[in-house]
Amino acid sequence: MGNVGSQFSVYPNPLQGDNMNLQFWYQPAEEYTVRLLSSSGQLMMANEIDHQSGNSTETIQLNNSMAHGVYQLETQVSHIKKRTKMWITK
């Protein structure tokens, strides 16, 4: 399980399919932005999640034509932005 910070966890990592899960732990109700960037910084996916507070898991479906490689998963809420490496191994 890849740790995006004390507030989020993303799994599976490495990702072998088209679905990744973003788990929220004890988070306030807010809109969260999730972006997946290629190693060159190109935006591959963007998603807005309307989290209702507390704990939950959101499943995000990726484009099935994404190449294998290393990506940066960026999560942002308000002015706080965190990144973690995601490996896609299709």
PDB file of N, CA and C in Angstrom:
ATOM      1  N   MET A   1       0.850  -1.163   0.000  1.00  0.00           N
ATOM      2  CA  MET A   1       0.000   0.000   0.000  1.00  0.00           C
ATOM      3  C   MET A   1       0.900   1.230   0.000  1.00  0.00           C
ATOM      4  N   GLY A   2       0.681   2.166  -0.919  1.00  0.00           N
ATOM      5  CA  GLY A   2       1.481   3.376  -0.979  1.00  0.00           C
ATOM      6  C   GLY A   2       0.896   4.455  -0.102  1.00  0.00           C
ATOM      7  N   ASN A   3       1.693   5.086   0.691  1.00  0.00           N
ATOM      8  CA  ASN A   3       1.205   6.106   1.604  1.00  0.00           C
ATOM      9  C   ASN A   3       1.357   7.476   0.974  1.00  0.00           C
ATOM     10  N   VAL A   4       0.251   8.210   0.829  1.00  0.00           N
ATOM     11  CA  VAL A   4       0.261   9.536   0.234  1.00  0.00           C
ATOM     12  C   VAL A   4       0.419  10.581   1.326  1.00  0.00           C
ATOM     13  N   GLY A   5       0.418  10.197   2.535  1.00  0.00           N
ATOM     14  CA  GLY A   5       0.500  11.089   3.674  1.00  0.00           C
ATOM     15  C   GLY A   5      -0.288  10.440   4.793  1.00  0.00           C
ATOM     16  N   SER A   6      -0.398  11.096   5.913  1.00  0.00           N
ATOM     17  CA  SER A   6      -1.112  10.495   7.030  1.00  0.00           C
ATOM     18  C   SER A   6      -2.615  10.464   6.787  1.00  0.00           C
ATOM     19  N   GLN A   7      -3.106  11.159   5.765  1.00  0.00           N
ATOM     20  CA  GLN A   7      -4.538  11.282   5.539  1.00  0.00           C
ATOM     21  C   GLN A   7      -5.069  10.349   4.457  1.00  0.00           C
ATOM     22  N   PHE A   8      -4.218   9.879   3.564  1.00  0.00           N
ATOM     23  CA  PHE A   8      -4.647   9.095   2.414  1.00  0.00           C
ATOM     24  C   PHE A   8      -3.762   7.877   2.242  1.00  0.00           C
ATOM     25  N   SER A   9      -4.339   6.878   1.604  1.00  0.00           N
ATOM     26  CA  SER A   9      -3.559   5.731   1.173  1.00  0.00           C
ATOM     27  C   SER A   9      -4.069   5.340  -0.200  1.00  0.00           C
ATOM     28  N   VAL A  10      -3.153   4.983  -1.089  1.00  0.00           N
ATOM     29  CA  VAL A  10      -3.539   4.564  -2.435  1.00  0.00           C
ATOM     30  C   VAL A  10      -3.069   3.130  -2.640  1.00  0.00           C
ATOM     31  N   TYR A  11      -3.956   2.323  -3.194  1.00  0.00           N
ATOM     32  CA  TYR A  11      -3.611   0.921  -3.442  1.00  0.00           C
ATOM     33  C   TYR A  11      -4.418   0.396  -4.608  1.00  0.00           C
ATOM     34  N   PRO A  12      -4.011  -0.640  -5.289  1.00  0.00           N
ATOM     35  CA  PRO A  12      -2.701  -1.282  -5.149  1.00  0.00           C
ATOM     36  C   PRO A  12      -1.600  -0.436  -5.771  1.00  0.00           C
ATOM     37  N   ASN A  13      -0.419  -0.600  -5.306  1.00  0.00           N
ATOM     38  CA  ASN A  13       0.741   0.093  -5.850  1.00  0.00           C
ATOM     39  C   ASN A  13       1.933  -0.854  -5.722  1.00  0.00           C
ATOM     40  N   PRO A  14       2.325  -1.504  -6.803  1.00  0.00           N
ATOM     41  CA  PRO A  14       2.051  -1.170  -8.198  1.00  0.00           C
ATOM     42  C   PRO A  14       0.645  -1.598  -8.642  1.00  0.00           C
ATOM     43  N   LEU A  15       0.131  -0.851  -9.609  1.00  0.00           N
ATOM     44  CA  LEU A  15      -1.191  -1.080 -10.178  1.00  0.00           C
ATOM     45  C   LEU A  15      -1.054  -1.958 -11.408  1.00  0.00           C
ATOM     46  N   GLN A  16      -1.827  -3.039 -11.444  1.00  0.00           N
ATOM     47  CA  GLN A  16      -1.767  -3.947 -12.591  1.00  0.00           C
ATOM     48  C   GLN A  16      -3.024  -3.892 -13.445  1.00  0.00           C
ATOM     49  N   GLY A  17      -4.085  -3.321 -12.949  1.00  0.00           N
ATOM     50  CA  GLY A  17      -5.338  -3.227 -13.694  1.00  0.00           C
ATOM     51  C   GLY A  17      -5.658  -1.783 -14.034  1.00  0.00           C
ATOM     52  N   ASP A  18      -6.941  -1.480 -14.119  1.00  0.00           N
ATOM     53  CA  ASP A  18      -7.381  -0.134 -14.482  1.00  0.00           C
ATOM     54  C   ASP A  18      -8.004   0.624 -13.315  1.00  0.00           C
ATOM     55  N   ASN A  19      -8.132  -0.011 -12.144  1.00  0.00           N
ATOM     56  CA  ASN A  19      -8.770   0.637 -10.998  1.00  0.00           C
ATOM     57  C   ASN A  19      -7.785   0.802  -9.850  1.00  0.00           C
ATOM     58  N   MET A  20      -7.742   2.025  -9.322  1.00  0.00           N
ATOM     59  CA  MET A  20      -6.966   2.254  -8.109  1.00  0.00           C
ATOM     60  C   MET A  20      -7.919   2.754  -7.041  1.00  0.00           C
ATOM     61  N   ASN A  21      -7.548   2.527  -5.804  1.00  0.00           N
ATOM     62  CA  ASN A  21      -8.374   2.912  -4.663  1.00  0.00           C
ATOM     63  C   ASN A  21      -7.658   3.976  -3.856  1.00  0.00           C
ATOM     64  N   LEU A  22      -8.399   5.009  -3.502  1.00  0.00           N
ATOM     65  CA  LEU A  22      -7.887   6.065  -2.644  1.00  0.00           C
ATOM     66  C   LEU A  22      -8.672   5.994  -1.343  1.00  0.00           C
ATOM     67  N   GLN A  23      -7.968   5.670  -0.270  1.00  0.00           N
ATOM     68  CA  GLN A  23      -8.612   5.520   1.025  1.00  0.00           C
ATOM     69  C   GLN A  23      -8.390   6.775   1.862  1.00  0.00           C
ATOM     70  N   PHE A  24      -9.480   7.300   2.408  1.00  0.00           N
ATOM     71  CA  PHE A  24      -9.457   8.476   3.283  1.00  0.00           C
ATOM     72  C   PHE A  24      -9.579   8.009   4.724  1.00  0.00           C
ATOM     73  N   TRP A  25      -8.751   8.578   5.599  1.00  0.00           N
ATOM     74  CA  TRP A  25      -8.824   8.275   7.023  1.00  0.00           C
ATOM     75  C   TRP A  25      -9.093   9.553   7.795  1.00  0.00           C
ATOM     76  N   TYR A  26     -10.223   9.602   8.487  1.00  0.00           N
ATOM     77  CA  TYR A  26     -10.567  10.701   9.401  1.00  0.00           C
ATOM     78  C   TYR A  26     -10.440  12.071   8.741  1.00  0.00           C
ATOM     79  N   GLN A  27     -10.975  12.190   7.535  1.00  0.00           N
ATOM     80  CA  GLN A  27     -10.859  13.434   6.788  1.00  0.00           C
ATOM     81  C   GLN A  27     -12.142  14.246   6.865  1.00  0.00           C
ATOM     82  N   PRO A  28     -12.023  15.578   6.874  1.00  0.00           N
ATOM     83  CA  PRO A  28     -13.223  16.423   6.902  1.00  0.00           C
ATOM     84  C   PRO A  28     -13.940  16.389   5.557  1.00  0.00           C
ATOM     85  N   ALA A  29     -15.190  16.808   5.578  1.00  0.00           N
ATOM     86  CA  ALA A  29     -15.977  16.892   4.348  1.00  0.00           C
ATOM     87  C   ALA A  29     -15.441  18.042   3.501  1.00  0.00           C
ATOM     88  N   GLU A  30     -14.896  17.706   2.358  1.00  0.00           N
ATOM     89  CA  GLU A  30     -14.352  18.695   1.420  1.00  0.00           C
ATOM     90  C   GLU A  30     -14.280  18.070   0.046  1.00  0.00           C
ATOM     91  N   GLU A  31     -13.986  18.916  -0.945  1.00  0.00           N
ATOM     92  CA  GLU A  31     -13.742  18.415  -2.283  1.00  0.00           C
ATOM     93  C   GLU A  31     -12.242  18.228  -2.463  1.00  0.00           C
ATOM     94  N   TYR A  32     -11.865  17.044  -2.880  1.00  0.00           N
ATOM     95  CA  TYR A  32     -10.473  16.678  -3.063  1.00  0.00           C
ATOM     96  C   TYR A  32     -10.194  16.538  -4.554  1.00  0.00           C
ATOM     97  N   THR A  33      -9.032  16.985  -4.981  1.00  0.00           N
ATOM     98  CA  THR A  33      -8.608  16.851  -6.366  1.00  0.00           C
ATOM     99  C   THR A  33      -7.536  15.780  -6.434  1.00  0.00           C
ATOM    100  N   VAL A  34      -7.702  14.864  -7.376  1.00  0.00           N
ATOM    101  CA  VAL A  34      -6.724  13.789  -7.589  1.00  0.00           C
ATOM    102  C   VAL A  34      -6.257  13.896  -9.034  1.00  0.00           C
ATOM    103  N   ARG A  35      -4.935  13.957  -9.216  1.00  0.00           N
ATOM    104  CA  ARG A  35      -4.356  14.040 -10.567  1.00  0.00           C
ATOM    105  C   ARG A  35      -3.254  13.005 -10.695  1.00  0.00           C
ATOM    106  N   LEU A  36      -3.169  12.417 -11.882  1.00  0.00           N
ATOM    107  CA  LEU A  36      -2.103  11.479 -12.187  1.00  0.00           C
ATOM    108  C   LEU A  36      -1.241  12.095 -13.270  1.00  0.00           C
ATOM    109  N   LEU A  37       0.055  12.239 -12.986  1.00  0.00           N
ATOM    110  CA  LEU A  37       0.990  12.881 -13.895  1.00  0.00           C
ATOM    111  C   LEU A  37       2.026  11.871 -14.373  1.00  0.00           C
ATOM    112  N   SER A  38       2.385  11.973 -15.657  1.00  0.00           N
ATOM    113  CA  SER A  38       3.444  11.120 -16.188  1.00  0.00           C
ATOM    114  C   SER A  38       4.784  11.566 -15.618  1.00  0.00           C
ATOM    115  N   SER A  39       5.823  10.789 -15.873  1.00  0.00           N
ATOM    116  CA  SER A  39       7.153  11.147 -15.368  1.00  0.00           C
ATOM    117  C   SER A  39       7.654  12.450 -15.983  1.00  0.00           C
ATOM    118  N   SER A  40       7.094  12.852 -17.122  1.00  0.00           N
ATOM    119  CA  SER A  40       7.483  14.124 -17.748  1.00  0.00           C
ATOM    120  C   SER A  40       6.573  15.278 -17.313  1.00  0.00           C
ATOM    121  N   GLY A  41       5.613  15.002 -16.424  1.00  0.00           N
ATOM    122  CA  GLY A  41       4.734  16.044 -15.907  1.00  0.00           C
ATOM    123  C   GLY A  41       3.435  16.220 -16.671  1.00  0.00           C
ATOM    124  N   GLN A  42       3.183  15.379 -17.676  1.00  0.00           N
ATOM    125  CA  GLN A  42       1.951  15.469 -18.459  1.00  0.00           C
ATOM    126  C   GLN A  42       0.767  14.968 -17.635  1.00  0.00           C
ATOM    127  N   LEU A  43      -0.328  15.719 -17.662  1.00  0.00           N
ATOM    128  CA  LEU A  43      -1.541  15.331 -16.949  1.00  0.00           C
ATOM    129  C   LEU A  43      -2.184  14.148 -17.667  1.00  0.00           C
ATOM    130  N   MET A  44      -2.324  13.033 -16.970  1.00  0.00           N
ATOM    131  CA  MET A  44      -2.896  11.817 -17.547  1.00  0.00           C
ATOM    132  C   MET A  44      -4.344  11.607 -17.112  1.00  0.00           C
ATOM    133  N   MET A  45      -4.694  12.102 -15.922  1.00  0.00           N
ATOM    134  CA  MET A  45      -6.025  11.917 -15.380  1.00  0.00           C
ATOM    135  C   MET A  45      -6.256  12.962 -14.299  1.00  0.00           C
ATOM    136  N   ALA A  46      -7.473  13.468 -14.229  1.00  0.00           N
ATOM    137  CA  ALA A  46      -7.864  14.380 -13.148  1.00  0.00           C
ATOM    138  C   ALA A  46      -9.252  13.978 -12.675  1.00  0.00           C
ATOM    139  N   ASN A  47      -9.467  14.034 -11.378  1.00  0.00           N
ATOM    140  CA  ASN A  47     -10.735  13.607 -10.815  1.00  0.00           C
ATOM    141  C   ASN A  47     -11.022  14.448  -9.578  1.00  0.00           C
ATOM    142  N   GLU A  48     -12.278  14.828  -9.404  1.00  0.00           N
ATOM    143  CA  GLU A  48     -12.720  15.529  -8.208  1.00  0.00           C
ATOM    144  C   GLU A  48     -13.502  14.540  -7.349  1.00  0.00           C
ATOM    145  N   ILE A  49     -13.203  14.510  -6.067  1.00  0.00           N
ATOM    146  CA  ILE A  49     -13.899  13.614  -5.143  1.00  0.00           C
ATOM    147  C   ILE A  49     -14.555  14.467  -4.069  1.00  0.00           C
ATOM    148  N   ASP A  50     -15.866  14.305  -3.928  1.00  0.00           N
ATOM    149  CA  ASP A  50     -16.629  15.007  -2.904  1.00  0.00           C
ATOM    150  C   ASP A  50     -16.726  14.100  -1.684  1.00  0.00           C
ATOM    151  N   HIS A  51     -15.738  14.224  -0.796  1.00  0.00           N
ATOM    152  CA  HIS A  51     -15.655  13.369   0.395  1.00  0.00           C
ATOM    153  C   HIS A  51     -16.613  13.892   1.453  1.00  0.00           C
ATOM    154  N   GLN A  52     -17.380  12.993   2.057  1.00  0.00           N
ATOM    155  CA  GLN A  52     -18.422  13.375   3.013  1.00  0.00           C
ATOM    156  C   GLN A  52     -17.958  13.418   4.462  1.00  0.00           C
ATOM    157  N   SER A  53     -16.723  13.155   4.754  1.00  0.00           N
ATOM    158  CA  SER A  53     -16.074  13.155   6.075  1.00  0.00           C
ATOM    159  C   SER A  53     -15.891  11.739   6.599  1.00  0.00           C
ATOM    160  N   GLY A  54     -14.945  11.621   7.523  1.00  0.00           N
ATOM    161  CA  GLY A  54     -14.663  10.325   8.128  1.00  0.00           C
ATOM    162  C   GLY A  54     -13.787   9.444   7.258  1.00  0.00           C
ATOM    163  N   ASN A  55     -14.091   8.154   7.257  1.00  0.00           N
ATOM    164  CA  ASN A  55     -13.310   7.173   6.517  1.00  0.00           C
ATOM    165  C   ASN A  55     -14.108   6.684   5.312  1.00  0.00           C
ATOM    166  N   SER A  56     -13.442   6.559   4.188  1.00  0.00           N
ATOM    167  CA  SER A  56     -14.080   6.006   2.993  1.00  0.00           C
ATOM    168  C   SER A  56     -13.011   5.597   1.998  1.00  0.00           C
ATOM    169  N   THR A  57     -13.417   4.818   1.015  1.00  0.00           N
ATOM    170  CA  THR A  57     -12.536   4.419  -0.076  1.00  0.00           C
ATOM    171  C   THR A  57     -13.206   4.773  -1.386  1.00  0.00           C
ATOM    172  N   GLU A  58     -12.497   5.502  -2.227  1.00  0.00           N
ATOM    173  CA  GLU A  58     -12.983   5.873  -3.548  1.00  0.00           C
ATOM    174  C   GLU A  58     -12.219   5.071  -4.590  1.00  0.00           C
ATOM    175  N   THR A  59     -12.939   4.457  -5.521  1.00  0.00           N
ATOM    176  CA  THR A  59     -12.313   3.730  -6.619  1.00  0.00           C
ATOM    177  C   THR A  59     -12.250   4.657  -7.829  1.00  0.00           C
ATOM    178  N   ILE A  60     -11.076   4.763  -8.408  1.00  0.00           N
ATOM    179  CA  ILE A  60     -10.854   5.626  -9.570  1.00  0.00           C
ATOM    180  C   ILE A  60     -10.454   4.736 -10.735  1.00  0.00           C
ATOM    181  N   GLN A  61     -11.206   4.839 -11.826  1.00  0.00           N
ATOM    182  CA  GLN A  61     -10.895   4.050 -13.016  1.00  0.00           C
ATOM    183  C   GLN A  61      -9.977   4.853 -13.925  1.00  0.00           C
ATOM    184  N   LEU A  62      -8.877   4.222 -14.318  1.00  0.00           N
ATOM    185  CA  LEU A  62      -7.910   4.860 -15.202  1.00  0.00           C
ATOM    186  C   LEU A  62      -8.178   4.447 -16.641  1.00  0.00           C
ATOM    187  N   ASN A  63      -7.645   5.211 -17.561  1.00  0.00           N
ATOM    188  CA  ASN A  63      -7.722   4.893 -18.977  1.00  0.00           C
ATOM    189  C   ASN A  63      -6.971   3.592 -19.215  1.00  0.00           C
ATOM    190  N   ASN A  64      -7.621   2.619 -19.859  1.00  0.00           N
ATOM    191  CA  ASN A  64      -6.979   1.314 -20.032  1.00  0.00           C
ATOM    192  C   ASN A  64      -5.844   1.324 -21.053  1.00  0.00           C
ATOM    193  N   SER A  65      -5.612   2.452 -21.709  1.00  0.00           N
ATOM    194  CA  SER A  65      -4.504   2.519 -22.672  1.00  0.00           C
ATOM    195  C   SER A  65      -3.246   3.157 -22.078  1.00  0.00           C
ATOM    196  N   MET A  66      -3.240   3.382 -20.772  1.00  0.00           N
ATOM    197  CA  MET A  66      -2.060   3.976 -20.141  1.00  0.00           C
ATOM    198  C   MET A  66      -0.901   2.991 -20.180  1.00  0.00           C
ATOM    199  N   ALA A  67       0.258   3.480 -20.558  1.00  0.00           N
ATOM    200  CA  ALA A  67       1.456   2.649 -20.656  1.00  0.00           C
ATOM    201  C   ALA A  67       1.988   2.314 -19.267  1.00  0.00           C
ATOM    202  N   HIS A  68       2.706   1.204 -19.162  1.00  0.00           N
ATOM    203  CA  HIS A  68       3.348   0.886 -17.891  1.00  0.00           C
ATOM    204  C   HIS A  68       4.465   1.906 -17.642  1.00  0.00           C
ATOM    205  N   GLY A  69       4.734   2.149 -16.389  1.00  0.00           N
ATOM    206  CA  GLY A  69       5.770   3.103 -16.027  1.00  0.00           C
ATOM    207  C   GLY A  69       5.522   3.708 -14.664  1.00  0.00           C
ATOM    208  N   VAL A  70       6.293   4.729 -14.337  1.00  0.00           N
ATOM    209  CA  VAL A  70       6.194   5.414 -13.052  1.00  0.00           C
ATOM    210  C   VAL A  70       5.449   6.725 -13.261  1.00  0.00           C
ATOM    211  N   TYR A  71       4.465   6.984 -12.408  1.00  0.00           N
ATOM    212  CA  TYR A  71       3.639   8.178 -12.464  1.00  0.00           C
ATOM    213  C   TYR A  71       3.659   8.858 -11.097  1.00  0.00           C
ATOM    214  N   GLN A  72       3.226  10.101 -11.048  1.00  0.00           N
ATOM    215  CA  GLN A  72       3.064  10.821  -9.785  1.00  0.00           C
ATOM    216  C   GLN A  72       1.565  10.978  -9.527  1.00  0.00           C
ATOM    217  N   LEU A  73       1.105  10.498  -8.385  1.00  0.00           N
ATOM    218  CA  LEU A  73      -0.277  10.698  -7.972  1.00  0.00           C
ATOM    219  C   LEU A  73      -0.301  11.901  -7.046  1.00  0.00           C
ATOM    220  N   GLU A  74      -1.071  12.901  -7.417  1.00  0.00           N
ATOM    221  CA  GLU A  74      -1.148  14.142  -6.642  1.00  0.00           C
ATOM    222  C   GLU A  74      -2.540  14.256  -6.040  1.00  0.00           C
ATOM    223  N   THR A  75      -2.598  14.458  -4.735  1.00  0.00           N
ATOM    224  CA  THR A  75      -3.867  14.713  -4.056  1.00  0.00           C
ATOM    225  C   THR A  75      -3.814  16.113  -3.475  1.00  0.00           C
ATOM    226  N   GLN A  76      -4.926  16.835  -3.596  1.00  0.00           N
ATOM    227  CA  GLN A  76      -4.955  18.204  -3.105  1.00  0.00           C
ATOM    228  C   GLN A  76      -6.304  18.492  -2.451  1.00  0.00           C
ATOM    229  N   VAL A  77      -6.235  19.154  -1.311  1.00  0.00           N
ATOM    230  CA  VAL A  77      -7.407  19.666  -0.632  1.00  0.00           C
ATOM    231  C   VAL A  77      -7.013  21.032  -0.087  1.00  0.00           C
ATOM    232  N   SER A  78      -7.859  22.003  -0.331  1.00  0.00           N
ATOM    233  CA  SER A  78      -7.552  23.393   0.022  1.00  0.00           C
ATOM    234  C   SER A  78      -6.180  23.753  -0.542  1.00  0.00           C
ATOM    235  N   HIS A  79      -5.260  24.142   0.298  1.00  0.00           N
ATOM    236  CA  HIS A  79      -3.931  24.539  -0.170  1.00  0.00           C
ATOM    237  C   HIS A  79      -2.876  23.448   0.071  1.00  0.00           C
ATOM    238  N   ILE A  80      -3.296  22.275   0.558  1.00  0.00           N
ATOM    239  CA  ILE A  80      -2.367  21.189   0.851  1.00  0.00           C
ATOM    240  C   ILE A  80      -2.303  20.238  -0.346  1.00  0.00           C
ATOM    241  N   LYS A  81      -1.092  20.028  -0.849  1.00  0.00           N
ATOM    242  CA  LYS A  81      -0.879  19.165  -2.005  1.00  0.00           C
ATOM    243  C   LYS A  81       0.173  18.128  -1.649  1.00  0.00           C
ATOM    244  N   LYS A  82      -0.126  16.852  -1.934  1.00  0.00           N
ATOM    245  CA  LYS A  82       0.827  15.773  -1.661  1.00  0.00           C
ATOM    246  C   LYS A  82       0.976  14.922  -2.906  1.00  0.00           C
ATOM    247  N   ARG A  83       2.185  14.392  -3.106  1.00  0.00           N
ATOM    248  CA  ARG A  83       2.466  13.521  -4.247  1.00  0.00           C
ATOM    249  C   ARG A  83       3.093  12.218  -3.774  1.00  0.00           C
ATOM    250  N   THR A  84       2.789  11.159  -4.502  1.00  0.00           N
ATOM    251  CA  THR A  84       3.435   9.874  -4.278  1.00  0.00           C
ATOM    252  C   THR A  84       3.657   9.203  -5.619  1.00  0.00           C
ATOM    253  N   LYS A  85       4.652   8.326  -5.670  1.00  0.00           N
ATOM    254  CA  LYS A  85       4.921   7.585  -6.901  1.00  0.00           C
ATOM    255  C   LYS A  85       3.925   6.453  -7.044  1.00  0.00           C
ATOM    256  N   MET A  86       3.435   6.276  -8.267  1.00  0.00           N
ATOM    257  CA  MET A  86       2.556   5.155  -8.611  1.00  0.00           C
ATOM    258  C   MET A  86       3.229   4.384  -9.730  1.00  0.00           C
ATOM    259  N   TRP A  87       3.282   3.082  -9.593  1.00  0.00           N
ATOM    260  CA  TRP A  87       3.818   2.233 -10.653  1.00  0.00           C
ATOM    261  C   TRP A  87       2.653   1.555 -11.340  1.00  0.00           C
ATOM    262  N   ILE A  88       2.618   1.661 -12.671  1.00  0.00           N
ATOM    263  CA  ILE A  88       1.612   0.958 -13.455  1.00  0.00           C
ATOM    264  C   ILE A  88       2.339  -0.120 -14.234  1.00  0.00           C
ATOM    265  N   THR A  89       1.942  -1.372 -14.022  1.00  0.00           N
ATOM    266  CA  THR A  89       2.644  -2.513 -14.615  1.00  0.00           C
ATOM    267  C   THR A  89       1.668  -3.365 -15.408  1.00  0.00           C
ATOM    268  N   LYS A  90       1.170  -2.841 -16.490  1.00  0.00           N
ATOM    269  CA  LYS A  90       0.230  -3.597 -17.333  1.00  0.00           C
ATOM    270  C   LYS A  90       0.960  -4.524 -18.247  1.00  0.00           C
TER     271      LYS A  90
END
